[in-house]
Each structure stands twice: as structure tokens, then as C-alpha cells.
Amino acid sequence: MFNLLRPSAEKLPADATLPGRPDPIPTADTHHVYGTPLSNEVPEGMEEAMFGMGCFWGVERMFWQVPGVHMTLVGYAGGETPNPTYQEVCSGRTNHNEVVRVIYDPKKVTYEDLLRIFWEGHDPTQGMRQGNDRGTQYRSGIYTHSEAQWKAAEATRQAMEPRLRQAGYGAITTEILPAPAFFHAEDYHQQYLSKNPGGYCGLGGTGVSCPIGTGV
């Protein structure tokens, strides 16, 4: 995604961020791919995950294609500004990351399966950028909803680090944190690459496979 505003290379002190607003900003009513109501709810028997991998347009497409994924939504998380707009996030004055929220059926797809997509789908060594997209909102992040998710994320990070170094990459910069509040993005961002099939993606993996299921 092309950021026309000046990107920020580091997060701001909390007291320097924008105030935001008390109410959620408007978003889509229907998931453009699934045709079902766009919902943040986690139905009984399902689980949730949240990832930041750079521009959320391409990231969301990766996950909506996975069998067993019930719902995907793009939004903002990890900062201080409540209910931010895209323009505010791009200003670098919210500290938020562009993230994808994934609601999935663990009987059909595991959290480890989603982690494989995460590690293989982007370059987790680039700090506050992903490819040509630069700024704090493009940082790599795994936001966990349970101790089991945190342990799985840490285990796969430790397994990936030597593989990436061997392939010539630097240290992993992915932040692994308890899931913060999720604020959904505007209507036009939801399932953007379904609405605009020829649109910009900006993601590129490292070509290094994640060794889940091989002793991690």
C-alpha cells in the first residue's frame, strides 16, 4: 500500500499520540469473499488469532484462502489511539500496526498452520517496514490470545531465527505480545484485493520454510 504521508521509523511516547474517538469508525457490513456478515464475534468452538505482516491487504488475502478460516477482518492494533482512521495511522501518530484478525475452526486448521503462513508470508527481519512500505504500521507482529498461542509463537520464532540467518537475513524483529484491542479499518480496506483484484500487495516472503511439525 502506498503511504503518501511521512512514515515513522519509531513509536512515539504514549502522551504524544492522537486522541482518537470514543466510537468505532464505519466499516463494511458484509465480507466481500464469504458473503456473510462481517463480524468480530468468535462463535462457540472457534478461536481467534491476530497478525501484523506489513500491508494488511495482501495479508488478509493469504488468510481468507485457508480452509477452516471462518472470518477475516483488517484493522489497527498495538497503539494508543482509540478507533483511529487510516490517515491517522499512516501519520505515525497512533503507534498502531496494520493487522489482520482471523477467526478459525481449530478442528479444521490449527494455530500452528496459521503461524506457518505468518513466518513464510513476509520478511520478519525488517523492523518498521515491509518491502517498500515504511513506517511503524508495517512492523511484524504476533498478538496472542492465550498462553498456548504465546508458547507456539515463541517456539516458531526460535526455530526460524537460525534458518533466516543461514539464508543471509538479520535478526527477527517480530513483536510477540498479548493481543491488544482491535479497531476495525474502513469499509474499502476490508477484503481490498477481492474488490480490487489487480491492486497493490507489497508482500514478499523470504523463501525460508517454517519447521512446524519437525520437533519444534
Protein backbone atom coordinates (compact mmCIF):
# COMPACT_ATOMS: atom_id res chain seq x y z
CA MET A 1 0.00 0.00 0.00
CA PHE A 2 1.37 3.41 -0.90
CA ASN A 3 1.82 5.66 2.11
CA LEU A 4 1.74 9.27 0.94
CA LEU A 5 2.38 10.58 4.43
CA ARG A 6 5.79 10.70 6.07
CA PRO A 7 6.45 7.27 7.59
CA SER A 8 7.58 7.00 11.17
CA ALA A 9 10.59 4.80 11.95
CA GLU A 10 9.87 4.54 15.68
CA LYS A 11 6.92 4.63 18.02
CA LEU A 12 6.00 7.82 19.87
CA PRO A 13 5.62 8.27 23.62
CA ALA A 14 2.03 7.46 24.55
CA ASP A 15 1.31 11.05 25.58
CA ALA A 16 2.32 12.26 22.10
CA THR A 17 -0.19 10.11 20.21
CA LEU A 18 -3.51 11.28 18.75
CA PRO A 19 -6.63 11.25 20.98
CA GLY A 20 -8.85 9.26 18.63
CA ARG A 21 -12.56 8.98 19.27
CA PRO A 22 -14.95 7.08 21.56
CA ASP A 23 -16.96 5.33 18.83
CA PRO A 24 -15.86 2.85 16.15
CA ILE A 25 -15.44 4.20 12.63
CA PRO A 26 -17.86 2.83 9.98
CA THR A 27 -16.83 -0.34 8.17
CA ALA A 28 -18.28 -2.92 5.77
CA ASP A 29 -21.43 -4.85 6.63
CA THR A 30 -20.60 -7.97 4.60
CA HIS A 31 -17.42 -9.97 3.99
CA HIS A 32 -16.70 -9.49 0.28
CA VAL A 33 -15.34 -13.05 -0.16
CA TYR A 34 -17.52 -15.12 2.16
CA GLY A 35 -20.75 -13.19 1.62
CA THR A 36 -21.53 -13.40 5.33
CA PRO A 37 -21.99 -10.54 7.80
CA LEU A 38 -18.63 -9.01 8.70
CA SER A 39 -18.41 -9.81 12.38
CA ASN A 40 -15.80 -9.56 15.11
CA GLU A 41 -17.58 -12.20 17.17
CA VAL A 42 -15.94 -15.57 17.89
CA PRO A 43 -18.60 -18.29 17.56
CA GLU A 44 -18.63 -21.17 20.04
CA GLY A 45 -15.97 -23.75 19.22
CA MET A 46 -13.86 -21.31 17.21
CA GLU A 47 -10.69 -19.42 18.11
CA GLU A 48 -9.06 -16.12 17.18
CA ALA A 49 -5.64 -15.00 16.01
CA MET A 50 -4.08 -11.66 15.09
CA PHE A 51 -1.05 -10.93 12.91
CA GLY A 52 0.83 -7.93 11.53
CA MET A 53 2.87 -8.65 8.40
CA GLY A 54 3.02 -5.35 6.53
CA CYS A 55 0.26 -4.04 4.28
CA PHE A 56 -2.90 -5.71 5.51
CA TRP A 57 -4.44 -6.01 2.03
CA GLY A 58 -2.19 -8.84 0.95
CA VAL A 59 -2.04 -10.41 4.39
CA GLU A 60 -5.81 -10.73 4.61
CA ARG A 61 -5.92 -12.48 1.23
CA MET A 62 -3.45 -15.09 2.48
CA PHE A 63 -5.72 -15.99 5.36
CA TRP A 64 -9.17 -15.84 3.74
CA GLN A 65 -7.97 -18.53 1.31
CA VAL A 66 -7.23 -21.01 4.13
CA PRO A 67 -9.80 -23.82 4.60
CA GLY A 68 -11.13 -23.66 8.13
CA VAL A 69 -10.91 -19.88 8.44
CA HIS A 70 -14.35 -18.56 9.33
CA MET A 71 -13.78 -14.80 9.19
CA THR A 72 -11.04 -12.28 8.40
CA LEU A 73 -11.03 -8.57 9.19
CA VAL A 74 -8.39 -5.89 8.76
CA GLY A 75 -7.79 -3.20 11.31
CA TYR A 76 -5.41 -1.43 13.64
CA ALA A 77 -3.87 -2.63 16.91
CA GLY A 78 -0.89 -2.21 19.18
CA GLY A 79 -1.03 1.55 19.63
CA GLU A 80 -2.68 4.10 21.91
CA THR A 81 -5.25 5.92 19.76
CA PRO A 82 -8.81 4.53 20.15
CA ASN A 83 -10.79 3.96 16.95
CA PRO A 84 -8.20 5.52 14.62
CA THR A 85 -8.67 6.28 10.94
CA TYR A 86 -6.32 5.08 8.22
CA GLN A 87 -4.99 8.60 7.76
CA GLU A 88 -4.21 8.85 11.46
CA VAL A 89 -2.41 5.50 11.48
CA CYS A 90 -0.37 6.50 8.41
CA SER A 91 0.68 9.73 10.13
CA GLY A 92 2.74 7.67 12.57
CA ARG A 93 0.98 9.35 15.49
CA THR A 94 -1.10 6.44 16.77
CA ASN A 95 1.58 3.73 17.24
CA HIS A 96 -0.84 1.22 15.71
CA ASN A 97 0.10 -1.64 13.43
CA GLU A 98 -1.90 -2.77 10.39
CA VAL A 99 -3.21 -6.19 11.45
CA VAL A 100 -5.46 -9.00 10.30
CA ARG A 101 -7.85 -10.64 12.73
CA VAL A 102 -8.51 -14.30 11.90
CA ILE A 103 -11.38 -16.32 13.35
CA TYR A 104 -10.94 -20.01 12.63
CA ASP A 105 -12.16 -23.52 13.38
CA PRO A 106 -9.32 -25.33 15.22
CA LYS A 107 -10.75 -28.68 14.13
CA LYS A 108 -10.02 -27.73 10.52
CA VAL A 109 -6.95 -25.52 10.76
CA THR A 110 -4.54 -25.22 13.69
CA TYR A 111 -2.84 -22.17 15.14
CA GLU A 112 0.45 -23.71 14.06
CA ASP A 113 -0.86 -23.79 10.48
CA LEU A 114 -1.58 -20.07 10.73
CA LEU A 115 1.88 -19.44 12.18
CA ARG A 116 3.44 -21.17 9.18
CA ILE A 117 1.62 -18.74 6.90
CA PHE A 118 2.81 -15.88 9.08
CA TRP A 119 6.51 -16.80 9.03
CA GLU A 120 6.63 -17.82 5.38
CA GLY A 121 4.44 -15.00 4.07
CA HIS A 122 6.64 -12.00 4.83
CA ASP A 123 10.13 -10.94 5.93
CA PRO A 124 10.13 -10.78 9.75
CA THR A 125 13.58 -9.15 9.94
CA GLN A 126 12.86 -5.68 8.54
CA GLY A 127 11.88 -3.69 11.63
CA MET A 128 9.48 -0.82 10.97
CA ARG A 129 8.90 -1.69 7.33
CA GLN A 130 7.94 -4.41 4.90
CA GLY A 131 9.45 -4.10 1.44
CA ASN A 132 8.78 -0.62 0.09
CA ASP A 133 6.22 0.10 2.81
CA ARG A 134 7.92 2.02 5.60
CA GLY A 135 6.56 3.09 8.96
CA THR A 136 5.58 1.70 12.34
CA GLN A 137 2.27 0.41 10.97
CA TYR A 138 4.12 -2.12 8.79
CA ARG A 139 6.00 -3.90 11.58
CA SER A 140 5.92 -7.66 12.04
CA GLY A 141 3.81 -8.81 14.98
CA ILE A 142 2.09 -11.82 16.51
CA TYR A 143 -0.61 -10.89 19.03
CA THR A 144 -1.59 -13.86 21.16
CA HIS A 145 -4.87 -14.71 22.87
CA SER A 146 -3.66 -17.46 25.20
CA GLU A 147 -0.56 -18.89 26.81
CA ALA A 148 -0.64 -21.76 24.30
CA GLN A 149 -0.55 -19.29 21.41
CA TRP A 150 2.31 -17.37 23.02
CA LYS A 151 4.34 -20.56 23.51
CA ALA A 152 3.74 -21.63 19.91
CA ALA A 153 4.72 -18.20 18.59
CA GLU A 154 7.93 -18.16 20.65
CA ALA A 155 8.83 -21.72 19.67
CA THR A 156 8.47 -20.99 15.98
CA ARG A 157 10.41 -17.73 16.32
CA GLN A 158 13.29 -19.61 17.89
CA ALA A 159 13.14 -22.24 15.16
CA MET A 160 13.09 -19.65 12.37
CA GLU A 161 15.92 -17.42 13.61
CA PRO A 162 18.85 -19.73 12.71
CA ARG A 163 17.27 -20.63 9.39
CA LEU A 164 16.93 -16.99 8.42
CA ARG A 165 20.49 -16.20 9.49
CA GLN A 166 21.76 -19.12 7.45
CA ALA A 167 19.88 -17.70 4.46
CA GLY A 168 21.56 -14.32 4.91
CA TYR A 169 18.88 -12.42 6.82
CA GLY A 170 19.32 -10.41 10.00
CA ALA A 171 17.71 -10.90 13.41
CA ILE A 172 13.95 -11.36 13.67
CA THR A 173 12.23 -8.12 14.70
CA THR A 174 8.75 -9.60 15.17
CA GLU A 175 7.00 -8.41 18.33
CA ILE A 176 5.14 -11.16 20.19
CA LEU A 177 2.65 -9.62 22.62
CA PRO A 178 -0.69 -10.35 24.29
CA ALA A 179 -3.42 -9.34 21.87
CA PRO A 180 -4.27 -5.63 22.27
CA ALA A 181 -7.59 -4.02 21.38
CA PHE A 182 -8.53 -4.43 17.73
CA PHE A 183 -10.07 -1.48 15.87
CA HIS A 184 -11.53 -2.38 12.50
CA ALA A 185 -10.43 -0.49 9.42
CA GLU A 186 -12.64 1.38 6.97
CA ASP A 187 -15.03 -0.28 4.52
CA TYR A 188 -12.75 -0.01 1.48
CA HIS A 189 -9.85 -1.77 3.26
CA GLN A 190 -11.89 -4.87 4.11
CA GLN A 191 -11.06 -7.64 1.58
CA TYR A 192 -9.46 -4.97 -0.60
CA LEU A 193 -7.83 -7.40 -3.02
CA SER A 194 -11.13 -9.16 -3.62
CA LYS A 195 -12.73 -5.84 -4.52
CA ASN A 196 -9.61 -4.80 -6.49
CA PRO A 197 -8.01 -8.00 -7.85
CA GLY A 198 -5.22 -6.10 -9.58
CA GLY A 199 -4.44 -3.97 -6.55
CA TYR A 200 -1.11 -3.46 -4.82
CA CYS A 201 0.05 -6.15 -2.41
CA GLY A 202 3.66 -5.36 -1.46
CA LEU A 203 4.38 -8.64 0.34
CA GLY A 204 7.25 -10.99 -0.31
CA GLY A 205 8.37 -13.95 1.75
CA THR A 206 11.96 -14.97 2.44
CA GLY A 207 11.77 -18.40 0.85
CA VAL A 208 12.67 -19.90 4.23
CA SER A 209 10.25 -22.57 5.42
CA CYS A 210 8.97 -22.72 8.98
CA PRO A 211 9.79 -26.11 10.57
CA ILE A 212 6.48 -26.68 12.34
CA GLY A 213 5.89 -30.35 12.97
CA THR A 214 9.59 -31.22 12.85
CA GLY A 215 10.42 -31.14 16.52
CA VAL A 216 9.51 -27.54 17.36
